[in-house]
Amino acid sequence: MFAEFRKFIAKGNVIDLAVAVILGAAFTAIVTSLTNDIIMPLIGLILGGIDFTTLALQVGEATVAYGLFIQAIINFLLIALVLFFMVRSINKMQERSKKEETPPPPPDPSDEVRLLTEIRDLLKKS
């Protein structure tokens, strides 16, 4: 694993890694605030005015608050979804750049010879 990381650094991908970490942190913050401020209150309204921050369960003498746990699970799922699409788009960009780097193969000489013989045959017929 460390050998692969050394190869990664040797290729000059440290800046890419830093940018990915910064973007990941920014997306995480955006998704978390979006979930806590918009999505969870909307779900609560749809379900009949439930406030997820105050949901609690009475277990004997103890009170277990599970509303924040539900928010944390939804945050985790949304962050995983965002990271999945980020990695997917990065892989597509890398595949696209690899395709652009490889030059097209040279034309096959036999195609040109075949074309010329067909032209000759057409000219002989006319």
C-alpha atoms as a PDB file:
ATOM      1  CA  MET A   1       0.000   0.000   0.000  1.00  0.00           C
ATOM      2  CA  PHE A   2       2.801   2.411   0.853  1.00  0.00           C
ATOM      3  CA  ALA A   3       4.558   1.612  -2.421  1.00  0.00           C
ATOM      4  CA  GLU A   4       1.445   2.666  -4.326  1.00  0.00           C
ATOM      5  CA  PHE A   5       1.292   5.860  -2.293  1.00  0.00           C
ATOM      6  CA  ARG A   6       4.941   6.608  -3.102  1.00  0.00           C
ATOM      7  CA  LYS A   7       4.203   6.100  -6.816  1.00  0.00           C
ATOM      8  CA  PHE A   8       1.202   8.393  -6.439  1.00  0.00           C
ATOM      9  CA  ILE A   9       3.390  11.112  -4.895  1.00  0.00           C
ATOM     10  CA  ALA A  10       6.155  10.553  -7.457  1.00  0.00           C
ATOM     11  CA  LYS A  11       3.707  11.246 -10.288  1.00  0.00           C
ATOM     12  CA  GLY A  12       3.014  14.702  -8.862  1.00  0.00           C
ATOM     13  CA  ASN A  13      -0.498  13.919  -7.699  1.00  0.00           C
ATOM     14  CA  VAL A  14      -0.032  15.513  -4.263  1.00  0.00           C
ATOM     15  CA  ILE A  15      -1.751  18.703  -5.428  1.00  0.00           C
ATOM     16  CA  ASP A  16      -4.647  16.628  -6.782  1.00  0.00           C
ATOM     17  CA  LEU A  17      -4.903  14.876  -3.432  1.00  0.00           C
ATOM     18  CA  ALA A  18      -4.902  18.183  -1.538  1.00  0.00           C
ATOM     19  CA  VAL A  19      -7.578  19.615  -3.809  1.00  0.00           C
ATOM     20  CA  ALA A  20      -9.661  16.460  -3.373  1.00  0.00           C
ATOM     21  CA  VAL A  21      -9.388  16.689   0.413  1.00  0.00           C
ATOM     22  CA  ILE A  22     -10.377  20.372   0.420  1.00  0.00           C
ATOM     23  CA  LEU A  23     -13.302  19.742  -1.937  1.00  0.00           C
ATOM     24  CA  GLY A  24     -14.367  16.737   0.127  1.00  0.00           C
ATOM     25  CA  ALA A  25     -14.380  18.807   3.312  1.00  0.00           C
ATOM     26  CA  ALA A  26     -16.356  21.581   1.614  1.00  0.00           C
ATOM     27  CA  PHE A  27     -18.917  19.150   0.226  1.00  0.00           C
ATOM     28  CA  THR A  28     -19.203  17.469   3.617  1.00  0.00           C
ATOM     29  CA  ALA A  29     -19.956  20.789   5.291  1.00  0.00           C
ATOM     30  CA  ILE A  30     -22.470  21.723   2.611  1.00  0.00           C
ATOM     31  CA  VAL A  31     -24.243  18.366   2.799  1.00  0.00           C
ATOM     32  CA  THR A  32     -24.347  18.425   6.594  1.00  0.00           C
ATOM     33  CA  SER A  33     -25.844  21.903   6.773  1.00  0.00           C
ATOM     34  CA  LEU A  34     -28.260  21.097   3.947  1.00  0.00           C
ATOM     35  CA  THR A  35     -29.421  17.986   5.776  1.00  0.00           C
ATOM     36  CA  ASN A  36     -29.751  19.575   9.199  1.00  0.00           C
ATOM     37  CA  ASP A  37     -31.327  22.849   8.062  1.00  0.00           C
ATOM     38  CA  ILE A  38     -33.513  21.832   5.109  1.00  0.00           C
ATOM     39  CA  ILE A  39     -33.997  18.102   4.547  1.00  0.00           C
ATOM     40  CA  MET A  40     -34.693  16.969   8.121  1.00  0.00           C
ATOM     41  CA  PRO A  41     -37.232  19.740   8.856  1.00  0.00           C
ATOM     42  CA  LEU A  42     -38.949  18.943   5.541  1.00  0.00           C
ATOM     43  CA  ILE A  43     -39.142  15.248   6.415  1.00  0.00           C
ATOM     44  CA  GLY A  44     -40.484  16.235   9.826  1.00  0.00           C
ATOM     45  CA  LEU A  45     -43.193  18.381   8.242  1.00  0.00           C
ATOM     46  CA  ILE A  46     -44.158  15.623   5.826  1.00  0.00           C
ATOM     47  CA  LEU A  47     -44.414  13.114   8.698  1.00  0.00           C
ATOM     48  CA  GLY A  48     -46.709  15.397  10.680  1.00  0.00           C
ATOM     49  CA  GLY A  49     -44.607  18.045  12.388  1.00  0.00           C
ATOM     50  CA  ILE A  50     -41.919  15.832  13.935  1.00  0.00           C
ATOM     51  CA  ASP A  51     -38.866  17.638  15.314  1.00  0.00           C
ATOM     52  CA  PHE A  52     -35.998  15.183  14.916  1.00  0.00           C
ATOM     53  CA  THR A  53     -33.787  16.960  17.425  1.00  0.00           C
ATOM     54  CA  THR A  54     -36.236  16.271  20.254  1.00  0.00           C
ATOM     55  CA  LEU A  55     -37.139  12.671  19.432  1.00  0.00           C
ATOM     56  CA  ALA A  56     -36.416  10.511  22.435  1.00  0.00           C
ATOM     57  CA  LEU A  57     -37.297   7.114  23.763  1.00  0.00           C
ATOM     58  CA  GLN A  58     -37.965   6.404  27.425  1.00  0.00           C
ATOM     59  CA  VAL A  59     -36.169   3.220  28.459  1.00  0.00           C
ATOM     60  CA  GLY A  60     -36.798   2.583  32.127  1.00  0.00           C
ATOM     61  CA  GLU A  61     -35.270   5.500  33.988  1.00  0.00           C
ATOM     62  CA  ALA A  62     -33.132   6.642  31.052  1.00  0.00           C
ATOM     63  CA  THR A  63     -34.074   8.768  28.072  1.00  0.00           C
ATOM     64  CA  VAL A  64     -32.423   7.853  24.764  1.00  0.00           C
ATOM     65  CA  ALA A  65     -32.393  10.631  22.163  1.00  0.00           C
ATOM     66  CA  TYR A  66     -32.418   9.071  18.718  1.00  0.00           C
ATOM     67  CA  GLY A  67     -33.403  12.033  16.548  1.00  0.00           C
ATOM     68  CA  LEU A  68     -29.805  13.232  16.201  1.00  0.00           C
ATOM     69  CA  PHE A  69     -28.785   9.668  15.415  1.00  0.00           C
ATOM     70  CA  ILE A  70     -31.245   9.661  12.488  1.00  0.00           C
ATOM     71  CA  GLN A  71     -29.759  12.966  11.280  1.00  0.00           C
ATOM     72  CA  ALA A  72     -26.242  11.529  11.533  1.00  0.00           C
ATOM     73  CA  ILE A  73     -27.218   8.486   9.460  1.00  0.00           C
ATOM     74  CA  ILE A  74     -28.794  10.649   6.758  1.00  0.00           C
ATOM     75  CA  ASN A  75     -25.705  12.923   6.775  1.00  0.00           C
ATOM     76  CA  PHE A  76     -23.465   9.889   6.366  1.00  0.00           C
ATOM     77  CA  LEU A  77     -25.520   8.504   3.482  1.00  0.00           C
ATOM     78  CA  LEU A  78     -25.612  11.831   1.646  1.00  0.00           C
ATOM     79  CA  ILE A  79     -21.873  12.383   2.120  1.00  0.00           C
ATOM     80  CA  ALA A  80     -21.185   8.868   0.844  1.00  0.00           C
ATOM     81  CA  LEU A  81     -23.387   9.594  -2.165  1.00  0.00           C
ATOM     82  CA  VAL A  82     -21.564  12.862  -2.911  1.00  0.00           C
ATOM     83  CA  LEU A  83     -18.147  11.204  -2.573  1.00  0.00           C
ATOM     84  CA  PHE A  84     -19.270   8.336  -4.800  1.00  0.00           C
ATOM     85  CA  PHE A  85     -20.232  10.747  -7.579  1.00  0.00           C
ATOM     86  CA  MET A  86     -17.012  12.746  -7.099  1.00  0.00           C
ATOM     87  CA  VAL A  87     -14.853   9.639  -7.454  1.00  0.00           C
ATOM     88  CA  ARG A  88     -16.924   8.479 -10.419  1.00  0.00           C
ATOM     89  CA  SER A  89     -16.519  11.801 -12.226  1.00  0.00           C
ATOM     90  CA  ILE A  90     -12.775  11.903 -11.480  1.00  0.00           C
ATOM     91  CA  ASN A  91     -12.394   8.401 -12.929  1.00  0.00           C
ATOM     92  CA  LYS A  92     -14.319   9.421 -16.050  1.00  0.00           C
ATOM     93  CA  MET A  93     -12.078  12.482 -16.488  1.00  0.00           C
ATOM     94  CA  GLN A  94      -8.966  10.325 -16.126  1.00  0.00           C
ATOM     95  CA  GLU A  95     -10.259   7.825 -18.689  1.00  0.00           C
ATOM     96  CA  ARG A  96     -11.086  10.671 -21.072  1.00  0.00           C
ATOM     97  CA  SER A  97      -7.601  12.170 -20.692  1.00  0.00           C
ATOM     98  CA  LYS A  98      -6.001   8.763 -21.323  1.00  0.00           C
ATOM     99  CA  LYS A  99      -7.997   8.428 -24.532  1.00  0.00           C
ATOM    100  CA  GLU A 100      -6.879  11.880 -25.673  1.00  0.00           C
ATOM    101  CA  GLU A 101      -3.209  11.121 -24.972  1.00  0.00           C
ATOM    102  CA  THR A 102      -3.062   8.056 -27.204  1.00  0.00           C
ATOM    103  CA  PRO A 103      -2.637   9.045 -30.847  1.00  0.00           C
ATOM    104  CA  PRO A 104      -4.938   7.436 -33.388  1.00  0.00           C
ATOM    105  CA  PRO A 105      -3.476   4.411 -35.148  1.00  0.00           C
ATOM    106  CA  PRO A 106      -1.989   5.041 -38.579  1.00  0.00           C
ATOM    107  CA  PRO A 107      -4.172   4.068 -41.523  1.00  0.00           C
ATOM    108  CA  ASP A 108      -3.771   0.586 -42.836  1.00  0.00           C
ATOM    109  CA  PRO A 109      -1.838   0.659 -46.162  1.00  0.00           C
ATOM    110  CA  SER A 110      -3.881  -2.222 -47.503  1.00  0.00           C
ATOM    111  CA  ASP A 111      -6.990  -0.008 -47.372  1.00  0.00           C
ATOM    112  CA  GLU A 112      -5.332   2.516 -49.657  1.00  0.00           C
ATOM    113  CA  VAL A 113      -4.159  -0.165 -52.056  1.00  0.00           C
ATOM    114  CA  ARG A 114      -7.648  -1.668 -52.156  1.00  0.00           C
ATOM    115  CA  LEU A 115      -9.156   1.768 -52.831  1.00  0.00           C
ATOM    116  CA  LEU A 116      -6.715   2.412 -55.674  1.00  0.00           C
ATOM    117  CA  THR A 117      -7.420  -0.957 -57.284  1.00  0.00           C
ATOM    118  CA  GLU A 118     -11.153  -0.283 -57.105  1.00  0.00           C
ATOM    119  CA  ILE A 119     -10.640   3.107 -58.772  1.00  0.00           C
ATOM    120  CA  ARG A 120      -8.521   1.465 -61.497  1.00  0.00           C
ATOM    121  CA  ASP A 121     -11.192  -1.153 -62.075  1.00  0.00           C
ATOM    122  CA  LEU A 122     -13.862   1.561 -62.365  1.00  0.00           C
ATOM    123  CA  LEU A 123     -11.728   3.491 -64.859  1.00  0.00           C
ATOM    124  CA  LYS A 124     -11.064   0.386 -66.950  1.00  0.00           C
ATOM    125  CA  LYS A 125     -14.799  -0.337 -67.174  1.00  0.00           C
ATOM    126  CA  SER A 126     -15.639   3.130 -68.455  1.00  0.00           C
END
